[in-house]
């Protein structure tokens, strides 16, 4: 079996949320626990940090992993979804899991299936098991685990973390998690374990009572991230005053200041168990993209005009995108966007209308069966009063958008992960 055959088997036989949508969501932990038992409960072989949240959990997870790597710890990192290669989801010290390990696991699973009556795992359940087992084989000192969707019933919630982190709450996947911030917070709060500290990244009036009640129920120390002042540039954020001294971060935008504060509070708590010098915190923030392979979080891919790729795909993500654009204004801003068809785009379009300066949209079709077609997206944008045209191919859209933006403008490619993946394949 080749690596490509292994990946195709996973996609063909097991529904994936980011390809099939809500129909692939399979809540509950029974299957994950059975898979774990079949592989020797590998998640029990190392300490874990568990991270949930609507937005920001990827940046937070990667930055924590980078800091732990720089402190000298062999660090596992499990995130989702991937952009270019399935192996991005599973890393040890920034290195993706080898193709041979993926092939071996898939072949072994195929052999086990005949003796596993009534065990029909989802793509994410099987992938989580692969990650937990790979981290055990690599003898990691610690693993940073990001939830896939929600928290309480997420496949990763079989772990017993030493620290839980909830970055923020906003409305996304409402058909599955609830249609109010409090309901969604209750699902995310499911990662809070008895006696285990939890960090809340962005406290809000609607959600804090939920977290406080859960922490009391589980007798878990609850900590809230501190407010962090930041100087924001297109090259990254600078934090002049932190518990670890002045820090330059590779990630840019007002929202990254919130993620940074969350990471710093987590590090303060981890210092009770791990030796993490100030120098490791600083170098982790500075080198997060290089150390962990993080891509698509306000990633600059070209200059003149400044061209950025970001995987912001929901209302909470676009609130942060708009704030970042307005913090570094340009005369012209070209938006190259594409979304899946099950997103509520009205609020997103309203946010796009708040971008300062002259704004135009190029609407694309992401490379997924769930894609909203470019023409439909352009019609939606035009109906919201935005200047928009349909250009299905992202690379063609970027070429035209860069010409229009001119040297001192900004081009932002944002939305579905599949839009960003298509961009790279055409560069």
Protein backbone atom coordinates (compact mmCIF):
# COMPACT_ATOMS: atom_id res chain seq x y z
CA UNK A 1 0.00 0.00 0.00
CA UNK A 2 1.31 3.44 -0.90
CA UNK A 3 0.82 6.52 1.24
CA UNK A 4 -1.66 7.95 -1.25
CA UNK A 5 -3.62 4.69 -1.22
CA UNK A 6 -3.72 4.78 2.59
CA UNK A 7 -5.04 8.33 2.60
CA UNK A 8 -7.61 7.56 -0.08
CA UNK A 9 -8.79 4.56 1.93
CA UNK A 10 -9.27 6.76 4.98
CA UNK A 11 -11.23 9.34 3.00
CA UNK A 12 -13.24 6.78 1.04
CA UNK A 13 -14.27 4.51 3.90
CA UNK A 14 -14.57 6.97 6.74
CA UNK A 15 -16.49 10.26 6.46
CA UNK A 16 -14.52 13.39 7.35
CA UNK A 17 -16.19 16.52 8.73
CA UNK A 18 -14.17 18.96 6.66
CA UNK A 19 -15.13 17.09 3.46
CA UNK A 20 -18.63 15.77 4.24
CA UNK A 21 -19.83 18.35 6.76
CA UNK A 22 -22.12 17.72 9.74
CA UNK A 23 -23.10 14.29 8.38
CA UNK A 24 -19.63 13.06 9.34
CA UNK A 25 -19.91 14.27 12.94
CA UNK A 26 -20.18 11.30 15.29
CA UNK A 27 -20.44 12.43 18.91
CA UNK A 28 -19.62 10.12 21.79
CA UNK A 29 -16.54 8.48 23.27
CA UNK A 30 -17.34 4.75 23.17
CA UNK A 31 -15.66 4.12 19.82
CA UNK A 32 -12.60 6.19 20.75
CA UNK A 33 -12.20 4.24 23.98
CA UNK A 34 -12.51 0.90 22.19
CA UNK A 35 -9.93 1.95 19.60
CA UNK A 36 -7.63 3.09 22.37
CA UNK A 37 -7.93 -0.24 24.17
CA UNK A 38 -7.11 -2.09 20.95
CA UNK A 39 -3.88 -0.09 20.65
CA UNK A 40 -2.84 -0.33 24.32
CA UNK A 41 -4.28 2.98 25.55
CA UNK A 42 -1.32 4.99 24.23
CA UNK A 43 -2.70 8.32 25.45
CA UNK A 44 -1.91 7.24 29.01
CA UNK A 45 1.83 7.07 28.33
CA UNK A 46 2.56 10.82 28.48
CA UNK A 47 1.07 14.01 29.95
CA UNK A 48 -1.24 16.08 27.74
CA UNK A 49 -2.52 19.62 27.40
CA UNK A 50 -6.07 19.74 26.01
CA UNK A 51 -7.21 22.79 24.02
CA UNK A 52 -10.74 23.68 22.91
CA UNK A 53 -12.39 26.84 21.60
CA UNK A 54 -14.21 28.21 18.58
CA UNK A 55 -11.25 30.20 17.24
CA UNK A 56 -7.63 30.55 18.25
CA UNK A 57 -7.05 27.02 19.45
CA UNK A 58 -4.73 26.22 16.55
CA UNK A 59 -2.48 29.23 17.13
CA UNK A 60 -2.52 28.56 20.87
CA UNK A 61 -1.67 24.88 20.43
CA UNK A 62 1.19 25.55 18.02
CA UNK A 63 2.68 28.29 20.19
CA UNK A 64 2.56 26.15 23.33
CA UNK A 65 4.20 23.30 21.42
CA UNK A 66 6.92 25.62 20.13
CA UNK A 67 7.68 26.86 23.65
CA UNK A 68 7.86 23.33 25.04
CA UNK A 69 10.16 22.30 22.18
CA UNK A 70 12.43 25.25 22.89
CA UNK A 71 12.48 24.27 26.57
CA UNK A 72 13.98 20.94 25.52
CA UNK A 73 10.95 18.67 25.75
CA UNK A 74 10.04 16.16 23.07
CA UNK A 75 6.62 17.48 22.14
CA UNK A 76 3.69 15.93 20.30
CA UNK A 77 1.20 18.21 18.54
CA UNK A 78 -2.20 17.07 17.27
CA UNK A 79 -4.30 19.63 15.37
CA UNK A 80 -6.95 19.71 12.66
CA UNK A 81 -7.85 20.13 9.93
CA UNK A 82 -4.82 20.00 7.68
CA UNK A 83 -4.32 22.29 4.70
CA UNK A 84 -1.88 20.63 2.31
CA UNK A 85 -1.04 17.19 3.70
CA UNK A 86 -2.87 14.90 6.12
CA UNK A 87 0.39 14.46 8.05
CA UNK A 88 0.25 18.09 9.21
CA UNK A 89 -2.21 16.94 11.86
CA UNK A 90 0.34 14.82 13.73
CA UNK A 91 3.77 16.24 14.56
CA UNK A 92 6.59 15.51 16.99
CA UNK A 93 8.97 18.41 17.54
CA UNK A 94 7.50 20.00 14.44
CA UNK A 95 8.16 16.99 12.19
CA UNK A 96 5.14 15.47 10.49
CA UNK A 97 4.40 11.80 11.04
CA UNK A 98 6.22 9.78 8.33
CA UNK A 99 4.17 8.34 5.46
CA UNK A 100 5.33 4.85 6.44
CA UNK A 101 3.75 5.19 9.89
CA UNK A 102 0.42 6.21 8.35
CA UNK A 103 0.54 3.25 5.94
CA UNK A 104 1.38 0.78 8.71
CA UNK A 105 -1.48 2.00 10.89
CA UNK A 106 -4.05 1.87 8.08
CA UNK A 107 -2.95 -1.64 7.07
CA UNK A 108 -3.14 -2.80 10.67
CA UNK A 109 -6.61 -1.29 11.06
CA UNK A 110 -7.81 -3.12 7.94
CA UNK A 111 -6.61 -6.38 9.45
CA UNK A 112 -8.30 -5.65 12.77
CA UNK A 113 -11.65 -4.74 11.25
CA UNK A 114 -12.78 -8.34 10.75
CA UNK A 115 -12.52 -9.01 14.47
CA UNK A 116 -14.02 -5.69 15.58
CA UNK A 117 -17.75 -6.29 15.37
CA UNK A 118 -19.91 -3.16 15.32
CA UNK A 119 -16.86 -0.89 15.48
CA UNK A 120 -17.25 1.72 12.75
CA UNK A 121 -15.01 4.66 13.62
CA UNK A 122 -15.20 8.06 12.01
CA UNK A 123 -12.19 9.51 10.23
CA UNK A 124 -11.44 11.70 13.24
CA UNK A 125 -11.73 8.85 15.75
CA UNK A 126 -9.24 6.76 13.80
CA UNK A 127 -6.93 9.71 13.19
CA UNK A 128 -6.91 10.59 16.90
CA UNK A 129 -5.95 7.00 17.73
CA UNK A 130 -3.13 7.17 15.20
CA UNK A 131 -1.87 10.39 16.78
CA UNK A 132 -1.98 9.05 20.34
CA UNK A 133 -0.15 5.89 19.29
CA UNK A 134 2.49 7.79 17.31
CA UNK A 135 3.24 10.05 20.26
CA UNK A 136 3.66 6.99 22.47
CA UNK A 137 6.01 5.35 19.96
CA UNK A 138 8.07 8.54 19.80
CA UNK A 139 8.23 8.66 23.61
CA UNK A 140 7.15 12.28 23.80
CA UNK A 141 7.59 14.13 27.08
CA UNK A 142 4.28 15.94 26.57
CA UNK A 143 1.56 16.25 23.91
CA UNK A 144 -0.55 19.26 22.98
CA UNK A 145 -3.96 18.01 21.84
CA UNK A 146 -6.50 20.21 20.02
CA UNK A 147 -10.14 19.16 19.97
CA UNK A 148 -11.75 18.61 16.61
CA UNK A 149 -15.26 19.87 17.30
CA UNK A 150 -16.81 20.86 20.61
CA UNK A 151 -15.19 19.17 23.57
CA UNK A 152 -17.53 17.08 25.72
CA UNK A 153 -18.15 14.45 23.04
CA UNK A 154 -15.04 15.06 20.94
CA UNK A 155 -12.93 12.02 20.09
CA UNK A 156 -9.93 13.49 21.92
CA UNK A 157 -11.80 13.75 25.21
CA UNK A 158 -10.65 10.34 26.41
CA UNK A 159 -7.38 11.89 27.58
CA UNK A 160 -6.64 12.91 31.17
CA UNK A 161 -4.83 16.22 30.72
CA UNK A 162 -2.61 18.02 33.18
CA UNK A 163 -4.01 21.34 31.88
CA UNK A 164 -7.14 22.33 29.96
CA UNK A 165 -7.36 25.48 27.84
CA UNK A 166 -10.49 27.07 26.33
CA UNK A 167 -9.55 29.91 23.99
CA UNK A 168 -12.88 31.57 23.20
CA UNK A 169 -16.51 31.00 22.30
CA UNK A 170 -18.42 32.27 19.27
CA UNK A 171 -21.24 30.93 17.13
CA UNK A 172 -20.08 28.15 14.81
CA UNK A 173 -21.40 24.64 14.08
CA UNK A 174 -24.61 25.73 15.80
CA UNK A 175 -26.58 22.76 14.44
CA UNK A 176 -24.28 20.46 16.40
CA UNK A 177 -23.12 22.42 19.44
CA UNK A 178 -26.01 24.78 20.25
CA UNK A 179 -27.22 28.12 18.99
CA UNK A 180 -26.21 30.32 21.93
CA UNK A 181 -22.75 31.11 23.34
CA UNK A 182 -23.75 29.51 26.66
CA UNK A 183 -24.77 26.24 24.98
CA UNK A 184 -21.55 26.11 22.97
CA UNK A 185 -19.54 26.94 26.11
CA UNK A 186 -21.15 23.97 27.88
CA UNK A 187 -19.86 21.66 25.13
CA UNK A 188 -16.36 23.15 25.25
CA UNK A 189 -16.37 22.96 29.06
CA UNK A 190 -16.59 19.19 28.72
CA UNK A 191 -12.78 19.06 28.53
CA UNK A 192 -12.50 20.34 32.11
CA UNK A 193 -11.46 17.38 34.27
CA UNK A 194 -11.62 16.80 38.01
CA UNK A 195 -8.93 18.74 39.84
CA UNK A 196 -7.18 19.80 36.62
CA UNK A 197 -6.50 23.53 36.15
CA UNK A 198 -8.26 25.26 33.26
CA UNK A 199 -7.30 28.50 31.49
CA UNK A 200 -10.05 30.63 29.94
CA UNK A 201 -8.63 32.79 27.18
CA UNK A 202 -11.45 35.26 26.52
CA UNK A 203 -13.96 35.63 29.37
CA UNK A 204 -17.43 36.84 28.36
CA UNK A 205 -20.56 37.58 30.32
CA UNK A 206 -22.56 34.84 28.58
CA UNK A 207 -19.98 32.09 28.94
CA UNK A 208 -18.05 32.65 32.19
CA UNK A 209 -20.93 31.44 34.40
CA UNK A 210 -20.84 28.16 32.48
CA UNK A 211 -17.11 27.74 33.01
CA UNK A 212 -17.28 28.76 36.67
CA UNK A 213 -20.06 26.26 37.35
CA UNK A 214 -18.18 23.45 35.61
CA UNK A 215 -14.93 24.26 37.43
CA UNK A 216 -16.77 24.19 40.77
CA UNK A 217 -18.41 20.87 39.89
CA UNK A 218 -15.05 19.31 39.01
CA UNK A 219 -13.08 21.12 41.75
CA UNK A 220 -10.78 22.50 39.07
CA UNK A 221 -8.72 25.66 39.58
CA UNK A 222 -9.97 28.22 37.04
CA UNK A 223 -7.61 30.88 35.68
CA UNK A 224 -8.37 33.70 33.27
CA UNK A 225 -5.76 35.02 30.84
CA UNK A 226 -4.45 38.48 31.64
CA UNK A 227 -4.89 41.51 29.39
CA UNK A 228 -1.83 41.95 27.20
CA UNK A 229 -0.78 45.18 25.48
CA UNK A 230 0.57 44.70 21.97
CA UNK A 231 2.09 46.67 19.12
CA UNK A 232 0.63 45.18 15.94
CA UNK A 233 2.43 45.12 12.59
CA UNK A 234 2.13 43.01 9.45
CA UNK A 235 5.33 41.23 10.52
CA UNK A 236 4.00 40.14 13.91
CA UNK A 237 3.05 41.43 17.33
CA UNK A 238 5.37 42.92 19.93
CA UNK A 239 4.47 42.53 23.62
CA UNK A 240 6.53 45.02 25.65
CA UNK A 241 5.40 43.87 29.11
CA UNK A 242 4.86 40.18 29.93
CA UNK A 243 5.74 37.87 32.85
CA UNK A 244 8.64 36.67 30.70
CA UNK A 245 9.99 40.03 29.58
CA UNK A 246 9.47 41.75 26.21
CA UNK A 247 8.40 39.29 23.52
CA UNK A 248 8.24 39.51 19.73
CA UNK A 249 5.64 37.15 18.28
CA UNK A 250 5.59 35.85 14.72
CA UNK A 251 1.78 35.92 14.61
CA UNK A 252 0.04 39.20 13.90
CA UNK A 253 -3.26 40.85 14.79
CA UNK A 254 -5.27 41.97 17.82
CA UNK A 255 -6.68 38.46 18.22
CA UNK A 256 -3.17 37.05 18.52
CA UNK A 257 -2.67 39.25 21.57
CA UNK A 258 -5.56 37.33 23.17
CA UNK A 259 -4.06 33.99 22.13
CA UNK A 260 -0.65 35.10 23.42
CA UNK A 261 -2.10 36.00 26.81
CA UNK A 262 -3.75 32.57 26.94
CA UNK A 263 -0.47 30.85 26.13
CA UNK A 264 1.41 32.85 28.76
CA UNK A 265 -1.09 31.97 31.48
CA UNK A 266 -0.81 28.31 30.47
CA UNK A 267 2.99 28.48 30.69
CA UNK A 268 2.77 29.99 34.18
CA UNK A 269 0.73 26.98 35.28
CA UNK A 270 2.94 24.46 33.48
CA UNK A 271 5.99 25.78 35.27
CA UNK A 272 4.82 23.90 38.35
CA UNK A 273 5.74 20.70 36.52
CA UNK A 274 8.10 21.64 33.68
CA UNK A 275 11.21 23.79 33.56
CA UNK A 276 10.39 26.48 31.02
CA UNK A 277 12.87 29.36 31.03
CA UNK A 278 11.95 32.83 29.83
CA UNK A 279 14.25 32.32 26.84
CA UNK A 280 12.16 29.33 25.68
CA UNK A 281 8.97 31.40 25.87
CA UNK A 282 10.55 34.17 23.81
CA UNK A 283 12.05 31.89 21.16
CA UNK A 284 8.84 29.85 20.99
CA UNK A 285 6.78 32.94 20.19
CA UNK A 286 9.35 34.20 17.69
CA UNK A 287 9.78 30.88 15.89
CA UNK A 288 6.36 29.26 16.07
CA UNK A 289 5.87 28.97 12.31
CA UNK A 290 9.35 27.56 11.76
CA UNK A 291 9.22 25.22 14.75
CA UNK A 292 5.74 23.76 14.22
CA UNK A 293 4.87 24.33 10.57
CA UNK A 294 1.95 26.61 11.40
CA UNK A 295 0.40 28.10 8.26
CA UNK A 296 -2.73 30.06 7.46
CA UNK A 297 -2.89 32.23 10.58
CA UNK A 298 -2.31 35.63 9.00
CA UNK A 299 0.58 34.18 7.00
CA UNK A 300 2.31 36.66 4.71
CA UNK A 301 3.05 35.04 1.35
CA UNK A 302 4.12 38.07 -0.71
CA UNK A 303 4.95 41.79 -0.60
CA UNK A 304 3.98 44.73 -2.84
CA UNK A 305 1.11 44.36 -2.39
CA UNK A 306 1.12 42.72 1.01
CA UNK A 307 -0.57 39.35 0.45
CA UNK A 308 -1.89 37.36 3.41
CA UNK A 309 -3.43 33.90 3.77
CA UNK A 310 -5.78 33.20 6.68
CA UNK A 311 -8.17 30.33 7.40
CA UNK A 312 -10.78 32.53 9.08
CA UNK A 313 -14.06 30.94 8.06
CA UNK A 314 -16.70 31.93 10.63
CA UNK A 315 -18.10 35.07 12.18
CA UNK A 316 -15.71 35.00 15.15
CA UNK A 317 -12.75 34.55 12.83
CA UNK A 318 -13.83 37.42 10.60
CA UNK A 319 -14.30 39.76 13.54
CA UNK A 320 -10.61 39.25 14.21
CA UNK A 321 -9.64 39.52 10.54
CA UNK A 322 -11.44 42.86 10.17
CA UNK A 323 -9.83 44.20 13.36
CA UNK A 324 -6.41 43.19 12.05
CA UNK A 325 -6.97 44.78 8.63
CA UNK A 326 -8.13 48.02 10.22
CA UNK A 327 -5.12 48.03 12.56
CA UNK A 328 -2.84 48.16 9.51
CA UNK A 329 -5.01 50.02 6.96
CA UNK A 330 -4.41 50.09 3.23
CA UNK A 331 -5.91 52.36 0.57
CA UNK A 332 -7.22 49.29 -1.24
CA UNK A 333 -8.05 45.88 0.21
CA UNK A 334 -8.71 42.95 -2.11
CA UNK A 335 -10.49 39.98 -0.55
CA UNK A 336 -10.09 36.62 -2.28
CA UNK A 337 -12.61 34.44 -0.45
CA UNK A 338 -14.29 31.06 -0.59
CA UNK A 339 -16.49 29.16 1.85
CA UNK A 340 -18.32 25.88 2.28
CA UNK A 341 -22.04 25.88 1.65
CA UNK A 342 -23.20 25.27 5.24
CA UNK A 343 -21.85 28.55 6.67
CA UNK A 344 -24.13 31.41 7.71
CA UNK A 345 -22.53 34.19 5.70
CA UNK A 346 -24.82 37.14 6.41
CA UNK A 347 -22.91 38.24 9.53
CA UNK A 348 -19.59 37.63 7.75
CA UNK A 349 -20.64 39.91 4.89
CA UNK A 350 -21.65 42.57 7.39
CA UNK A 351 -18.17 42.39 8.90
CA UNK A 352 -16.51 42.69 5.49
CA UNK A 353 -18.46 45.92 5.02
CA UNK A 354 -16.63 47.39 8.04
CA UNK A 355 -13.19 47.18 6.44
CA UNK A 356 -11.75 50.66 5.99
CA UNK A 357 -10.78 52.01 2.59
CA UNK A 358 -11.78 50.71 -0.84
CA UNK A 359 -12.69 47.01 -0.77
CA UNK A 360 -13.38 44.52 -3.55
CA UNK A 361 -14.13 40.79 -3.39
CA UNK A 362 -13.06 38.00 -5.72
CA UNK A 363 -15.28 35.01 -4.91
CA UNK A 364 -13.82 31.55 -5.49
CA UNK A 365 -14.94 27.93 -5.28
CA UNK A 366 -12.91 25.89 -2.73
CA UNK A 367 -11.84 22.41 -3.86
CA UNK A 368 -14.31 20.38 -1.81
CA UNK A 369 -17.73 18.82 -2.51
CA UNK A 370 -19.10 21.06 0.25
CA UNK A 371 -18.02 24.25 -1.55
CA UNK A 372 -20.30 27.21 -2.05
CA UNK A 373 -20.02 28.00 -5.75
CA UNK A 374 -18.25 31.23 -6.68
CA UNK A 375 -21.29 32.68 -8.45
CA UNK A 376 -23.53 32.07 -5.43
CA UNK A 377 -21.00 33.66 -3.09
CA UNK A 378 -20.63 36.68 -5.38
CA UNK A 379 -24.40 37.11 -5.50
CA UNK A 380 -24.57 36.92 -1.70
CA UNK A 381 -21.82 39.55 -1.39
CA UNK A 382 -23.41 41.84 -3.94
CA UNK A 383 -26.73 41.53 -2.15
CA UNK A 384 -24.96 42.73 1.00
CA UNK A 385 -23.78 45.85 -0.83
CA UNK A 386 -20.21 44.68 -1.47
CA UNK A 387 -18.33 45.00 -4.75
CA UNK A 388 -17.85 41.38 -5.81
CA UNK A 389 -17.09 39.25 -8.85
CA UNK A 390 -16.98 35.49 -9.30
CA UNK A 391 -13.64 33.90 -10.20
CA UNK A 392 -13.79 30.18 -9.36
CA UNK A 393 -10.00 29.61 -9.48
CA UNK A 394 -8.18 31.05 -6.48
CA UNK A 395 -4.87 31.52 -8.27
CA UNK A 396 -6.45 33.47 -11.12
CA UNK A 397 -8.32 35.56 -8.55
CA UNK A 398 -5.15 36.36 -6.63
CA UNK A 399 -3.33 37.46 -9.80
CA UNK A 400 -6.08 39.93 -10.71
CA UNK A 401 -6.57 41.07 -7.10
CA UNK A 402 -2.86 41.87 -6.74
CA UNK A 403 -2.95 44.03 -9.85
CA UNK A 404 -5.97 45.93 -8.56
CA UNK A 405 -4.62 46.40 -5.02
CA UNK A 406 -1.37 47.97 -6.33
CA UNK A 407 1.89 48.08 -4.43
CA UNK A 408 0.61 49.76 -1.26
CA UNK A 409 -2.59 47.72 -0.96
CA UNK A 410 -3.46 44.48 0.81
CA UNK A 411 -4.64 41.18 -0.65
CA UNK A 412 -6.23 38.75 1.80
CA UNK A 413 -6.97 35.16 0.80
CA UNK A 414 -9.32 33.82 3.46
CA UNK A 415 -12.08 31.34 4.22
CA UNK A 416 -12.14 27.58 3.80
CA UNK A 417 -8.95 25.58 4.32
CA UNK A 418 -9.56 24.14 0.86
CA UNK A 419 -9.25 27.63 -0.62
CA UNK A 420 -5.79 28.04 0.93
CA UNK A 421 -4.77 24.54 -0.18
CA UNK A 422 -5.71 25.40 -3.75
CA UNK A 423 -3.60 28.54 -3.53
CA UNK A 424 -0.44 26.69 -2.70
CA UNK A 425 -0.94 24.09 -5.39
CA UNK A 426 -1.00 26.86 -7.96
CA UNK A 427 2.09 28.76 -6.80
